[in-house]
Amino acid sequence: MVHIMQLKFKKILSSFKNAKVFVVGDLILDCFVWGKVRRISPEAPVPVVEVERDSFVPGGAANVAHNMCALGAKVWLAGIVGKDDEGKRLLTQLKERGMMTETIRVDSSRSTSLKTRVVAHHQQVVRIDREVLSELKEDYLKKILNDFKRLSPSMDALVIEDYGKGVVTQALVSQLILIAKDRSIPVAVDPKKGHLLDYQGISFTTPNLEEAAYFAGVEDGKEVSVEEIGKILLEKWQCQAVLVTLGEKGMCLFEKDKNPYFIPTQAREVYDVSGAGDTVIGTFVLSVIGGAHFKEAAQLANLSAGIVVGKLGTAVVFKDEIEKELDNVR
């Protein structure tokens, strides 16, 4: 039975190379400052980090696209960068990693979102965010919509990634869903807590528990089971599946007229959870495109998440890493 499952999952993984996906959302450049701490500052009770090196990787929606590319898919990424060094660096990195970047626009009126994490001895010390949160301008909204309309005939899925930086607006979401529905393209969403948008009509979503509770209308501090939250979201958005990530407790999949399906975590040792949700939605979407049932897609997404949290920094998972994990399943 295990051998049959392994063969099925590997067949799904092999289909990723045929997938074409349009990803739209907030583009972020993640900077990691790596160093060591040997003393406390005499000026204030804070550690002094002796910097050894810096590294830069795609973040936000760009990390979702990066994850999908790493798994073999062809990905068109739509979003905004500033006319600055950070924007140039991000675009260069995206091209080097194989993403299609002609759908990324440069807006000279805003800066590229930059998240700087200072890491010492495998421990994040502080994060510094530099960003503009103003909503997407009308002309850029039209450009993204026109790009999706033009490319949609060849797309297998649309992924909307909201990081709350202003690109994902209700106007954009509503029109993207209409275009996708008209062309029978599945729509996946990773929503942002604090940014209450209507996602009715999407196909599936992969929020964490905090995000799921927020969109289900659960007040902070109120005790509501994950089962009830999942049921509310299925009904609210009329979607096919809701995959709620539960951190160290794994995941829970909800489908209409089916019992919740709990999946225990696969992580053996957690080093960094940065971008783990991006890995989940990327693997889940590609698995569904590849013919997986939602339970199978959730299992593969959970396996991927277990691999990526074992890596430092904003990281991605590769197909051979998942296959190696599958070989270890007994």
C-alpha atoms as a PDB file:
ATOM      1  CA  MET A   1       0.000   0.000   0.000  1.00  0.00           C
ATOM      2  CA  VAL A   2       2.835   2.368   0.932  1.00  0.00           C
ATOM      3  CA  HIS A   3       4.642   1.521  -2.307  1.00  0.00           C
ATOM      4  CA  ILE A   4       1.534   2.322  -4.368  1.00  0.00           C
ATOM      5  CA  MET A   5       1.199   5.671  -2.562  1.00  0.00           C
ATOM      6  CA  GLN A   6       4.866   6.491  -3.232  1.00  0.00           C
ATOM      7  CA  LEU A   7       4.446   5.736  -6.937  1.00  0.00           C
ATOM      8  CA  LYS A   8       1.291   7.886  -7.130  1.00  0.00           C
ATOM      9  CA  PHE A   9       2.982  10.816  -5.388  1.00  0.00           C
ATOM     10  CA  LYS A  10       6.068  10.577  -7.589  1.00  0.00           C
ATOM     11  CA  LYS A  11       3.829  10.589 -10.662  1.00  0.00           C
ATOM     12  CA  ILE A  12       2.183  13.760  -9.353  1.00  0.00           C
ATOM     13  CA  LEU A  13       5.607  15.323  -8.737  1.00  0.00           C
ATOM     14  CA  SER A  14       6.714  14.474 -12.281  1.00  0.00           C
ATOM     15  CA  SER A  15       3.727  16.421 -13.651  1.00  0.00           C
ATOM     16  CA  PHE A  16       4.928  19.690 -12.089  1.00  0.00           C
ATOM     17  CA  LYS A  17       7.200  20.378 -15.071  1.00  0.00           C
ATOM     18  CA  ASN A  18       4.126  20.757 -17.285  1.00  0.00           C
ATOM     19  CA  ALA A  19       2.336  23.281 -15.050  1.00  0.00           C
ATOM     20  CA  LYS A  20       1.894  26.939 -15.984  1.00  0.00           C
ATOM     21  CA  VAL A  21       0.860  29.287 -13.191  1.00  0.00           C
ATOM     22  CA  PHE A  22       0.109  33.000 -12.900  1.00  0.00           C
ATOM     23  CA  VAL A  23       1.054  34.376  -9.463  1.00  0.00           C
ATOM     24  CA  VAL A  24      -0.024  37.871  -8.428  1.00  0.00           C
ATOM     25  CA  GLY A  25       0.703  39.660  -5.169  1.00  0.00           C
ATOM     26  CA  ASP A  26       3.113  41.666  -3.062  1.00  0.00           C
ATOM     27  CA  LEU A  27       6.744  41.276  -4.121  1.00  0.00           C
ATOM     28  CA  ILE A  28       9.315  41.462  -1.334  1.00  0.00           C
ATOM     29  CA  LEU A  29      13.091  41.293  -1.213  1.00  0.00           C
ATOM     30  CA  ASP A  30      14.219  39.329   1.847  1.00  0.00           C
ATOM     31  CA  CYS A  31      17.621  40.304   3.244  1.00  0.00           C
ATOM     32  CA  PHE A  32      19.397  38.155   5.814  1.00  0.00           C
ATOM     33  CA  VAL A  33      22.261  39.579   7.876  1.00  0.00           C
ATOM     34  CA  TRP A  34      24.203  36.645   9.304  1.00  0.00           C
ATOM     35  CA  GLY A  35      26.528  37.042  12.265  1.00  0.00           C
ATOM     36  CA  LYS A  36      27.566  36.111  15.799  1.00  0.00           C
ATOM     37  CA  VAL A  37      26.916  37.584  19.219  1.00  0.00           C
ATOM     38  CA  ARG A  38      29.796  37.681  21.679  1.00  0.00           C
ATOM     39  CA  ARG A  39      28.756  40.540  23.953  1.00  0.00           C
ATOM     40  CA  ILE A  40      25.969  42.865  25.065  1.00  0.00           C
ATOM     41  CA  SER A  41      26.080  46.512  24.025  1.00  0.00           C
ATOM     42  CA  PRO A  42      27.298  48.964  26.720  1.00  0.00           C
ATOM     43  CA  GLU A  43      24.819  51.506  25.319  1.00  0.00           C
ATOM     44  CA  ALA A  44      21.671  49.433  25.900  1.00  0.00           C
ATOM     45  CA  PRO A  45      20.749  45.871  27.004  1.00  0.00           C
ATOM     46  CA  VAL A  46      20.856  44.516  23.450  1.00  0.00           C
ATOM     47  CA  PRO A  47      23.175  42.013  21.735  1.00  0.00           C
ATOM     48  CA  VAL A  48      25.964  43.254  19.478  1.00  0.00           C
ATOM     49  CA  VAL A  49      25.830  41.258  16.229  1.00  0.00           C
ATOM     50  CA  GLU A  50      29.180  40.923  14.473  1.00  0.00           C
ATOM     51  CA  VAL A  51      28.174  40.649  10.811  1.00  0.00           C
ATOM     52  CA  GLU A  52      29.791  37.895   8.765  1.00  0.00           C
ATOM     53  CA  ARG A  53      27.770  38.044   5.535  1.00  0.00           C
ATOM     54  CA  ASP A  54      24.549  39.215   3.875  1.00  0.00           C
ATOM     55  CA  SER A  55      22.232  37.274   1.585  1.00  0.00           C
ATOM     56  CA  PHE A  56      19.196  38.251  -0.497  1.00  0.00           C
ATOM     57  CA  VAL A  57      16.310  36.043  -1.668  1.00  0.00           C
ATOM     58  CA  PRO A  58      12.837  36.603  -3.179  1.00  0.00           C
ATOM     59  CA  GLY A  59      10.096  37.009  -0.569  1.00  0.00           C
ATOM     60  CA  GLY A  60       6.326  37.380  -0.391  1.00  0.00           C
ATOM     61  CA  ALA A  61       4.545  36.427  -3.607  1.00  0.00           C
ATOM     62  CA  ALA A  62       7.975  36.145  -5.233  1.00  0.00           C
ATOM     63  CA  ASN A  63       8.818  33.305  -2.843  1.00  0.00           C
ATOM     64  CA  VAL A  64       5.647  31.444  -3.814  1.00  0.00           C
ATOM     65  CA  ALA A  65       6.670  31.746  -7.462  1.00  0.00           C
ATOM     66  CA  HIS A  66      10.221  30.715  -6.547  1.00  0.00           C
ATOM     67  CA  ASN A  67       8.924  27.576  -4.791  1.00  0.00           C
ATOM     68  CA  MET A  68       6.878  26.599  -7.821  1.00  0.00           C
ATOM     69  CA  CYS A  69       9.813  27.182 -10.165  1.00  0.00           C
ATOM     70  CA  ALA A  70      12.065  25.094  -7.922  1.00  0.00           C
ATOM     71  CA  LEU A  71       9.549  22.257  -8.264  1.00  0.00           C
ATOM     72  CA  GLY A  72       9.706  22.519 -12.065  1.00  0.00           C
ATOM     73  CA  ALA A  73       6.702  24.681 -13.000  1.00  0.00           C
ATOM     74  CA  LYS A  74       6.711  27.637 -15.375  1.00  0.00           C
ATOM     75  CA  VAL A  75       5.565  30.722 -13.477  1.00  0.00           C
ATOM     76  CA  TRP A  76       4.521  34.210 -14.530  1.00  0.00           C
ATOM     77  CA  LEU A  77       4.824  36.642 -11.620  1.00  0.00           C
ATOM     78  CA  ALA A  78       2.771  39.861 -11.493  1.00  0.00           C
ATOM     79  CA  GLY A  79       3.385  42.667  -9.027  1.00  0.00           C
ATOM     80  CA  ILE A  80       5.172  45.941  -8.404  1.00  0.00           C
ATOM     81  CA  VAL A  81       8.751  46.889  -7.561  1.00  0.00           C
ATOM     82  CA  GLY A  82      10.211  50.328  -7.027  1.00  0.00           C
ATOM     83  CA  LYS A  83      12.707  52.068  -9.276  1.00  0.00           C
ATOM     84  CA  ASP A  84      15.535  51.401  -6.830  1.00  0.00           C
ATOM     85  CA  ASP A  85      18.499  49.107  -6.192  1.00  0.00           C
ATOM     86  CA  GLU A  86      16.317  46.665  -4.256  1.00  0.00           C
ATOM     87  CA  GLY A  87      13.917  46.387  -7.190  1.00  0.00           C
ATOM     88  CA  LYS A  88      16.772  45.774  -9.614  1.00  0.00           C
ATOM     89  CA  ARG A  89      18.250  43.132  -7.315  1.00  0.00           C
ATOM     90  CA  LEU A  90      14.904  41.372  -6.936  1.00  0.00           C
ATOM     91  CA  LEU A  91      14.219  41.352 -10.687  1.00  0.00           C
ATOM     92  CA  THR A  92      17.697  39.971 -11.358  1.00  0.00           C
ATOM     93  CA  GLN A  93      17.205  37.195  -8.816  1.00  0.00           C
ATOM     94  CA  LEU A  94      13.803  36.266 -10.213  1.00  0.00           C
ATOM     95  CA  LYS A  95      15.184  36.001 -13.750  1.00  0.00           C
ATOM     96  CA  GLU A  96      18.148  33.929 -12.534  1.00  0.00           C
ATOM     97  CA  ARG A  97      15.722  31.524 -10.850  1.00  0.00           C
ATOM     98  CA  GLY A  98      13.716  31.027 -14.025  1.00  0.00           C
ATOM     99  CA  MET A  99      10.602  33.095 -13.374  1.00  0.00           C
ATOM    100  CA  MET A 100       8.799  34.986 -16.127  1.00  0.00           C
ATOM    101  CA  THR A 101       9.111  38.642 -15.128  1.00  0.00           C
ATOM    102  CA  GLU A 102       7.590  40.582 -18.030  1.00  0.00           C
ATOM    103  CA  THR A 103       4.394  40.921 -15.943  1.00  0.00           C
ATOM    104  CA  ILE A 104       6.244  42.778 -13.149  1.00  0.00           C
ATOM    105  CA  ARG A 105       5.851  46.573 -13.296  1.00  0.00           C
ATOM    106  CA  VAL A 106       8.187  49.278 -11.987  1.00  0.00           C
ATOM    107  CA  ASP A 107       6.536  52.104 -10.033  1.00  0.00           C
ATOM    108  CA  SER A 108       8.917  55.030  -9.470  1.00  0.00           C
ATOM    109  CA  SER A 109       6.573  56.510  -6.842  1.00  0.00           C
ATOM    110  CA  ARG A 110       7.113  53.679  -4.337  1.00  0.00           C
ATOM    111  CA  SER A 111      10.034  51.726  -2.928  1.00  0.00           C
ATOM    112  CA  THR A 112      10.526  47.978  -3.190  1.00  0.00           C
ATOM    113  CA  SER A 113       9.402  46.161  -0.037  1.00  0.00           C
ATOM    114  CA  LEU A 114      12.483  45.063   1.907  1.00  0.00           C
ATOM    115  CA  LYS A 115      12.503  42.801   4.969  1.00  0.00           C
ATOM    116  CA  THR A 116      15.848  42.604   6.746  1.00  0.00           C
ATOM    117  CA  ARG A 117      16.324  39.812   9.283  1.00  0.00           C
ATOM    118  CA  VAL A 118      19.370  39.810  11.544  1.00  0.00           C
ATOM    119  CA  VAL A 119      20.303  36.221  12.412  1.00  0.00           C
ATOM    120  CA  ALA A 120      22.909  35.216  14.990  1.00  0.00           C
ATOM    121  CA  HIS A 121      23.723  31.603  15.875  1.00  0.00           C
ATOM    122  CA  HIS A 122      20.679  30.335  13.909  1.00  0.00           C
ATOM    123  CA  GLN A 123      18.435  32.658  15.930  1.00  0.00           C
ATOM    124  CA  GLN A 124      16.584  35.658  14.480  1.00  0.00           C
ATOM    125  CA  VAL A 125      17.464  38.690  16.586  1.00  0.00           C
ATOM    126  CA  VAL A 126      15.369  41.390  14.921  1.00  0.00           C
ATOM    127  CA  ARG A 127      13.462  42.112  11.692  1.00  0.00           C
ATOM    128  CA  ILE A 128      13.440  45.506   9.998  1.00  0.00           C
ATOM    129  CA  ASP A 129      10.725  46.301   7.431  1.00  0.00           C
ATOM    130  CA  ARG A 130      10.998  49.054   4.817  1.00  0.00           C
ATOM    131  CA  GLU A 131       7.881  49.292   2.707  1.00  0.00           C
ATOM    132  CA  VAL A 132       5.116  51.372   1.188  1.00  0.00           C
ATOM    133  CA  LEU A 133       1.579  50.216   2.025  1.00  0.00           C
ATOM    134  CA  SER A 134      -0.452  52.409  -0.319  1.00  0.00           C
ATOM    135  CA  GLU A 135      -2.918  50.621  -2.605  1.00  0.00           C
ATOM    136  CA  LEU A 136      -2.141  49.739  -6.176  1.00  0.00           C
ATOM    137  CA  LYS A 137      -2.726  52.584  -8.634  1.00  0.00           C
ATOM    138  CA  GLU A 138      -5.524  52.196 -11.186  1.00  0.00           C
ATOM    139  CA  ASP A 139      -3.214  52.038 -14.189  1.00  0.00           C
ATOM    140  CA  TYR A 140      -1.128  49.253 -12.631  1.00  0.00           C
ATOM    141  CA  LEU A 141      -4.289  47.346 -11.732  1.00  0.00           C
ATOM    142  CA  LYS A 142      -5.376  47.473 -15.378  1.00  0.00           C
ATOM    143  CA  LYS A 143      -1.952  46.282 -16.535  1.00  0.00           C
ATOM    144  CA  ILE A 144      -2.074  43.230 -14.249  1.00  0.00           C
ATOM    145  CA  LEU A 145      -5.597  42.388 -15.383  1.00  0.00           C
ATOM    146  CA  ASN A 146      -4.657  42.776 -19.046  1.00  0.00           C
ATOM    147  CA  ASP A 147      -1.603  40.562 -18.532  1.00  0.00           C
ATOM    148  CA  PHE A 148      -3.732  37.840 -16.969  1.00  0.00           C
ATOM    149  CA  LYS A 149      -6.369  38.093 -19.697  1.00  0.00           C
ATOM    150  CA  ARG A 150      -3.667  37.782 -22.351  1.00  0.00           C
ATOM    151  CA  LEU A 151      -1.937  34.814 -20.725  1.00  0.00           C
ATOM    152  CA  SER A 152      -4.963  33.043 -19.243  1.00  0.00           C
ATOM    153  CA  PRO A 153      -5.624  30.706 -22.207  1.00  0.00           C
ATOM    154  CA  SER A 154      -2.403  28.866 -21.391  1.00  0.00           C
ATOM    155  CA  MET A 155      -2.589  29.044 -17.579  1.00  0.00           C
ATOM    156  CA  ASP A 156      -3.359  26.028 -15.368  1.00  0.00           C
ATOM    157  CA  ALA A 157      -3.936  28.046 -12.177  1.00  0.00           C
ATOM    158  CA  LEU A 158      -4.035  31.529 -10.663  1.00  0.00           C
ATOM    159  CA  VAL A 159      -2.475  32.176  -7.246  1.00  0.00           C
ATOM    160  CA  ILE A 160      -3.286  35.369  -5.298  1.00  0.00           C
ATOM    161  CA  GLU A 161      -0.765  36.160  -2.558  1.00  0.00           C
ATOM    162  CA  ASP A 162      -1.706  38.970  -0.163  1.00  0.00           C
ATOM    163  CA  TYR A 163       1.057  40.254   2.104  1.00  0.00           C
ATOM    164  CA  GLY A 164      -0.755  43.501   2.876  1.00  0.00           C
ATOM    165  CA  LYS A 165       1.578  45.793   0.916  1.00  0.00           C
ATOM    166  CA  GLY A 166      -1.101  47.297  -1.324  1.00  0.00           C
ATOM    167  CA  VAL A 167      -1.018  45.221  -4.505  1.00  0.00           C
ATOM    168  CA  VAL A 168      -3.914  42.888  -3.653  1.00  0.00           C
ATOM    169  CA  THR A 169      -7.058  45.044  -3.578  1.00  0.00           C
ATOM    170  CA  GLN A 170     -10.730  44.107  -3.711  1.00  0.00           C
ATOM    171  CA  ALA A 171     -11.037  45.503  -7.222  1.00  0.00           C
ATOM    172  CA  LEU A 172      -8.122  43.381  -8.424  1.00  0.00           C
ATOM    173  CA  VAL A 173      -9.307  40.220  -6.649  1.00  0.00           C
ATOM    174  CA  SER A 174     -12.901  40.467  -7.881  1.00  0.00           C
ATOM    175  CA  GLN A 175     -11.895  40.970 -11.501  1.00  0.00           C
ATOM    176  CA  LEU A 176      -9.208  38.271 -11.449  1.00  0.00           C
ATOM    177  CA  ILE A 177     -11.732  35.754 -10.087  1.00  0.00           C
ATOM    178  CA  LEU A 178     -14.227  36.673 -12.816  1.00  0.00           C
ATOM    179  CA  ILE A 179     -11.641  36.233 -15.569  1.00  0.00           C
ATOM    180  CA  ALA A 180     -10.474  32.911 -14.107  1.00  0.00           C
ATOM    181  CA  LYS A 181     -14.038  31.640 -13.708  1.00  0.00           C
ATOM    182  CA  ASP A 182     -14.842  32.543 -17.300  1.00  0.00           C
ATOM    183  CA  ARG A 183     -11.850  30.481 -18.438  1.00  0.00           C
ATOM    184  CA  SER A 184     -12.332  27.616 -15.918  1.00  0.00           C
ATOM    185  CA  ILE A 185      -8.973  28.348 -14.233  1.00  0.00           C
ATOM    186  CA  PRO A 186      -8.694  27.284 -10.568  1.00  0.00           C
ATOM    187  CA  VAL A 187      -7.900  30.129  -8.163  1.00  0.00           C
ATOM    188  CA  ALA A 188      -5.865  29.667  -4.979  1.00  0.00           C
ATOM    189  CA  VAL A 189      -5.544  32.343  -2.299  1.00  0.00           C
ATOM    190  CA  ASP A 190      -3.204  32.943   0.618  1.00  0.00           C
ATOM    191  CA  PRO A 191      -5.057  35.694   2.558  1.00  0.00           C
ATOM    192  CA  LYS A 192      -3.652  38.298   4.946  1.00  0.00           C
ATOM    193  CA  LYS A 193      -4.986  38.881   8.451  1.00  0.00           C
ATOM    194  CA  GLY A 194      -6.100  42.491   8.898  1.00  0.00           C
ATOM    195  CA  HIS A 195      -6.919  42.897   5.213  1.00  0.00           C
ATOM    196  CA  LEU A 196     -10.546  41.803   4.998  1.00  0.00           C
ATOM    197  CA  LEU A 197     -11.295  41.049   1.355  1.00  0.00           C
ATOM    198  CA  ASP A 198     -14.127  39.031  -0.172  1.00  0.00           C
ATOM    199  CA  TYR A 199     -12.741  35.909  -1.846  1.00  0.00           C
ATOM    200  CA  GLN A 200     -16.045  34.310  -2.784  1.00  0.00           C
ATOM    201  CA  GLY A 201     -15.670  32.148  -5.864  1.00  0.00           C
ATOM    202  CA  ILE A 202     -12.097  30.963  -5.330  1.00  0.00           C
ATOM    203  CA  SER A 203     -11.227  27.273  -5.661  1.00  0.00           C
ATOM    204  CA  PHE A 204      -9.071  26.723  -2.577  1.00  0.00           C
ATOM    205  CA  THR A 205      -7.148  28.562   0.117  1.00  0.00           C
ATOM    206  CA  THR A 206      -4.277  27.817   2.514  1.00  0.00           C
ATOM    207  CA  PRO A 207      -4.471  30.195   5.513  1.00  0.00           C
ATOM    208  CA  ASN A 208      -2.780  29.600   8.837  1.00  0.00           C
ATOM    209  CA  LEU A 209      -5.069  29.241  11.854  1.00  0.00           C
ATOM    210  CA  GLU A 210      -4.854  32.921  12.817  1.00  0.00           C
ATOM    211  CA  GLU A 211      -5.734  34.044   9.283  1.00  0.00           C
ATOM    212  CA  ALA A 212      -8.524  31.484   8.997  1.00  0.00           C
ATOM    213  CA  ALA A 213     -10.083  32.614  12.288  1.00  0.00           C
ATOM    214  CA  TYR A 214      -9.924  36.260  11.195  1.00  0.00           C
ATOM    215  CA  PHE A 215     -11.696  35.645   7.888  1.00  0.00           C
ATOM    216  CA  ALA A 216     -14.228  33.375   9.597  1.00  0.00           C
ATOM    217  CA  GLY A 217     -15.172  36.339  11.795  1.00  0.00           C
ATOM    218  CA  VAL A 218     -13.875  34.860  15.043  1.00  0.00           C
ATOM    219  CA  GLU A 219     -13.052  37.559  17.576  1.00  0.00           C
ATOM    220  CA  ASP A 220      -9.562  37.575  19.100  1.00  0.00           C
ATOM    221  CA  GLY A 221      -9.477  35.494  22.259  1.00  0.00           C
ATOM    222  CA  LYS A 222     -12.713  33.640  21.481  1.00  0.00           C
ATOM    223  CA  GLU A 223     -12.455  29.853  21.689  1.00  0.00           C
ATOM    224  CA  VAL A 224     -13.662  28.346  18.417  1.00  0.00           C
ATOM    225  CA  SER A 225     -12.551  24.947  17.096  1.00  0.00           C
ATOM    226  CA  VAL A 226     -10.599  24.677  13.855  1.00  0.00           C
ATOM    227  CA  GLU A 227     -13.388  22.399  12.601  1.00  0.00           C
ATOM    228  CA  GLU A 228     -15.929  25.193  12.957  1.00  0.00           C
ATOM    229  CA  ILE A 229     -13.576  27.746  11.383  1.00  0.00           C
ATOM    230  CA  GLY A 230     -12.988  25.541   8.338  1.00  0.00           C
ATOM    231  CA  LYS A 231     -16.714  24.943   7.903  1.00  0.00           C
ATOM    232  CA  ILE A 232     -17.390  28.706   8.016  1.00  0.00           C
ATOM    233  CA  LEU A 233     -14.786  29.469   5.336  1.00  0.00           C
ATOM    234  CA  LEU A 234     -16.038  26.736   3.001  1.00  0.00           C
ATOM    235  CA  GLU A 235     -19.514  28.214   3.172  1.00  0.00           C
ATOM    236  CA  LYS A 236     -18.418  31.860   3.105  1.00  0.00           C
ATOM    237  CA  TRP A 237     -16.225  31.611   0.027  1.00  0.00           C
ATOM    238  CA  GLN A 238     -18.054  28.701  -1.662  1.00  0.00           C
ATOM    239  CA  CYS A 239     -14.706  27.065  -2.359  1.00  0.00           C
ATOM    240  CA  GLN A 240     -13.800  23.440  -2.963  1.00  0.00           C
ATOM    241  CA  ALA A 241     -11.180  23.105  -0.236  1.00  0.00           C
ATOM    242  CA  VAL A 242      -9.688  24.958   2.734  1.00  0.00           C
ATOM    243  CA  LEU A 243      -6.286  23.810   3.997  1.00  0.00           C
ATOM    244  CA  VAL A 244      -5.549  25.365   7.400  1.00  0.00           C
ATOM    245  CA  THR A 245      -1.920  25.174   8.530  1.00  0.00           C
ATOM    246  CA  LEU A 246      -1.521  24.592  12.270  1.00  0.00           C
ATOM    247  CA  GLY A 247       2.200  25.081  12.863  1.00  0.00           C
ATOM    248  CA  GLU A 248       3.740  22.277  14.910  1.00  0.00           C
ATOM    249  CA  LYS A 249       0.337  20.510  14.931  1.00  0.00           C
ATOM    250  CA  GLY A 250       0.356  19.977  11.168  1.00  0.00           C
ATOM    251  CA  MET A 251      -2.592  20.831   8.921  1.00  0.00           C
ATOM    252  CA  CYS A 252      -6.326  20.300   8.601  1.00  0.00           C
ATOM    253  CA  LEU A 253      -8.087  19.930   5.253  1.00  0.00           C
ATOM    254  CA  PHE A 254     -11.748  20.819   4.787  1.00  0.00           C
ATOM    255  CA  GLU A 255     -13.875  19.797   1.831  1.00  0.00           C
ATOM    256  CA  LYS A 256     -17.612  20.232   1.344  1.00  0.00           C
ATOM    257  CA  ASP A 257     -19.688  17.330   2.708  1.00  0.00           C
ATOM    258  CA  LYS A 258     -16.577  15.554   4.039  1.00  0.00           C
ATOM    259  CA  ASN A 259     -15.114  15.145   7.516  1.00  0.00           C
ATOM    260  CA  PRO A 260     -12.075  17.299   8.377  1.00  0.00           C
ATOM    261  CA  TYR A 261      -8.794  15.571   7.533  1.00  0.00           C
ATOM    262  CA  PHE A 262      -5.968  16.141  10.013  1.00  0.00           C
ATOM    263  CA  ILE A 263      -2.349  15.669   8.932  1.00  0.00           C
ATOM    264  CA  PRO A 264       0.403  15.596  11.602  1.00  0.00           C
ATOM    265  CA  THR A 265       3.516  17.685  11.012  1.00  0.00           C
ATOM    266  CA  GLN A 266       6.442  16.158   9.117  1.00  0.00           C
ATOM    267  CA  ALA A 267       9.137  18.478  10.533  1.00  0.00           C
ATOM    268  CA  ARG A 268      11.901  16.689  12.407  1.00  0.00           C
ATOM    269  CA  GLU A 269      13.804  19.802  13.477  1.00  0.00           C
ATOM    270  CA  VAL A 270      12.609  23.373  12.956  1.00  0.00           C
ATOM    271  CA  TYR A 271      15.243  25.991  12.124  1.00  0.00           C
ATOM    272  CA  ASP A 272      13.176  28.721  10.461  1.00  0.00           C
ATOM    273  CA  VAL A 273       9.477  29.034   9.569  1.00  0.00           C
ATOM    274  CA  SER A 274      10.058  32.010   7.220  1.00  0.00           C
ATOM    275  CA  GLY A 275       8.133  31.393   4.009  1.00  0.00           C
ATOM    276  CA  ALA A 276       6.788  27.966   5.015  1.00  0.00           C
ATOM    277  CA  GLY A 277       3.270  29.020   4.018  1.00  0.00           C
ATOM    278  CA  ASP A 278       4.584  29.906   0.557  1.00  0.00           C
ATOM    279  CA  THR A 279       5.904  26.376   0.172  1.00  0.00           C
ATOM    280  CA  VAL A 280       2.548  24.949   1.257  1.00  0.00           C
ATOM    281  CA  ILE A 281       0.409  26.822  -1.269  1.00  0.00           C
ATOM    282  CA  GLY A 282       2.932  26.275  -4.058  1.00  0.00           C
ATOM    283  CA  THR A 283       3.081  22.497  -3.544  1.00  0.00           C
ATOM    284  CA  PHE A 284      -0.672  22.195  -2.955  1.00  0.00           C
ATOM    285  CA  VAL A 285      -1.591  24.048  -6.152  1.00  0.00           C
ATOM    286  CA  LEU A 286       0.884  22.156  -8.343  1.00  0.00           C
ATOM    287  CA  SER A 287      -0.309  18.839  -6.910  1.00  0.00           C
ATOM    288  CA  VAL A 288      -3.953  19.634  -7.702  1.00  0.00           C
ATOM    289  CA  ILE A 289      -2.979  20.704 -11.232  1.00  0.00           C
ATOM    290  CA  GLY A 290      -1.120  17.399 -11.541  1.00  0.00           C
ATOM    291  CA  GLY A 291      -4.243  15.379 -10.822  1.00  0.00           C
ATOM    292  CA  ALA A 292      -3.958  14.868  -7.068  1.00  0.00           C
ATOM    293  CA  HIS A 293      -7.023  14.620  -4.871  1.00  0.00           C
ATOM    294  CA  PHE A 294      -7.104  17.327  -2.199  1.00  0.00           C
ATOM    295  CA  LYS A 295      -5.968  14.872   0.504  1.00  0.00           C
ATOM    296  CA  GLU A 296      -2.991  13.828  -1.603  1.00  0.00           C
ATOM    297  CA  ALA A 297      -2.145  17.465  -2.380  1.00  0.00           C
ATOM    298  CA  ALA A 298      -2.337  18.311   1.336  1.00  0.00           C
ATOM    299  CA  GLN A 299      -0.048  15.403   2.223  1.00  0.00           C
ATOM    300  CA  LEU A 300       2.552  16.531  -0.312  1.00  0.00           C
ATOM    301  CA  ALA A 301       2.257  20.144   0.894  1.00  0.00           C
ATOM    302  CA  ASN A 302       2.773  18.974   4.468  1.00  0.00           C
ATOM    303  CA  LEU A 303       5.814  16.963   3.424  1.00  0.00           C
ATOM    304  CA  SER A 304       7.269  20.017   1.670  1.00  0.00           C
ATOM    305  CA  ALA A 305       6.648  22.245   4.691  1.00  0.00           C
ATOM    306  CA  GLY A 306       8.468  19.750   6.905  1.00  0.00           C
ATOM    307  CA  ILE A 307      11.500  20.002   4.636  1.00  0.00           C
ATOM    308  CA  VAL A 308      11.569  23.793   4.256  1.00  0.00           C
ATOM    309  CA  VAL A 309      11.344  24.619   7.994  1.00  0.00           C
ATOM    310  CA  GLY A 310      14.495  22.566   8.428  1.00  0.00           C
ATOM    311  CA  LYS A 311      16.375  25.150   6.347  1.00  0.00           C
ATOM    312  CA  LEU A 312      17.628  28.549   7.496  1.00  0.00           C
ATOM    313  CA  GLY A 313      16.190  31.678   5.908  1.00  0.00           C
ATOM    314  CA  THR A 314      13.503  32.036   3.258  1.00  0.00           C
ATOM    315  CA  ALA A 315      14.037  28.766   1.421  1.00  0.00           C
ATOM    316  CA  VAL A 316      12.452  26.535  -1.216  1.00  0.00           C
ATOM    317  CA  VAL A 317      11.975  22.799  -1.658  1.00  0.00           C
ATOM    318  CA  PHE A 318      13.113  20.804  -4.689  1.00  0.00           C
ATOM    319  CA  LYS A 319      11.394  17.809  -6.260  1.00  0.00           C
ATOM    320  CA  ASP A 320      14.248  15.417  -5.468  1.00  0.00           C
ATOM    321  CA  GLU A 321      14.056  16.382  -1.783  1.00  0.00           C
ATOM    322  CA  ILE A 322      10.378  15.425  -1.665  1.00  0.00           C
ATOM    323  CA  GLU A 323      11.103  12.179  -3.516  1.00  0.00           C
ATOM    324  CA  LYS A 324      13.809  11.355  -0.972  1.00  0.00           C
ATOM    325  CA  GLU A 325      11.319  11.904   1.853  1.00  0.00           C
ATOM    326  CA  LEU A 326       8.797   9.673   0.098  1.00  0.00           C
ATOM    327  CA  ASP A 327      11.409   6.914  -0.139  1.00  0.00           C
ATOM    328  CA  ASN A 328      11.788   7.071   3.648  1.00  0.00           C
ATOM    329  CA  VAL A 329       8.074   6.528   4.262  1.00  0.00           C
ATOM    330  CA  ARG A 330       7.385   3.090   5.706  1.00  0.00           C
END
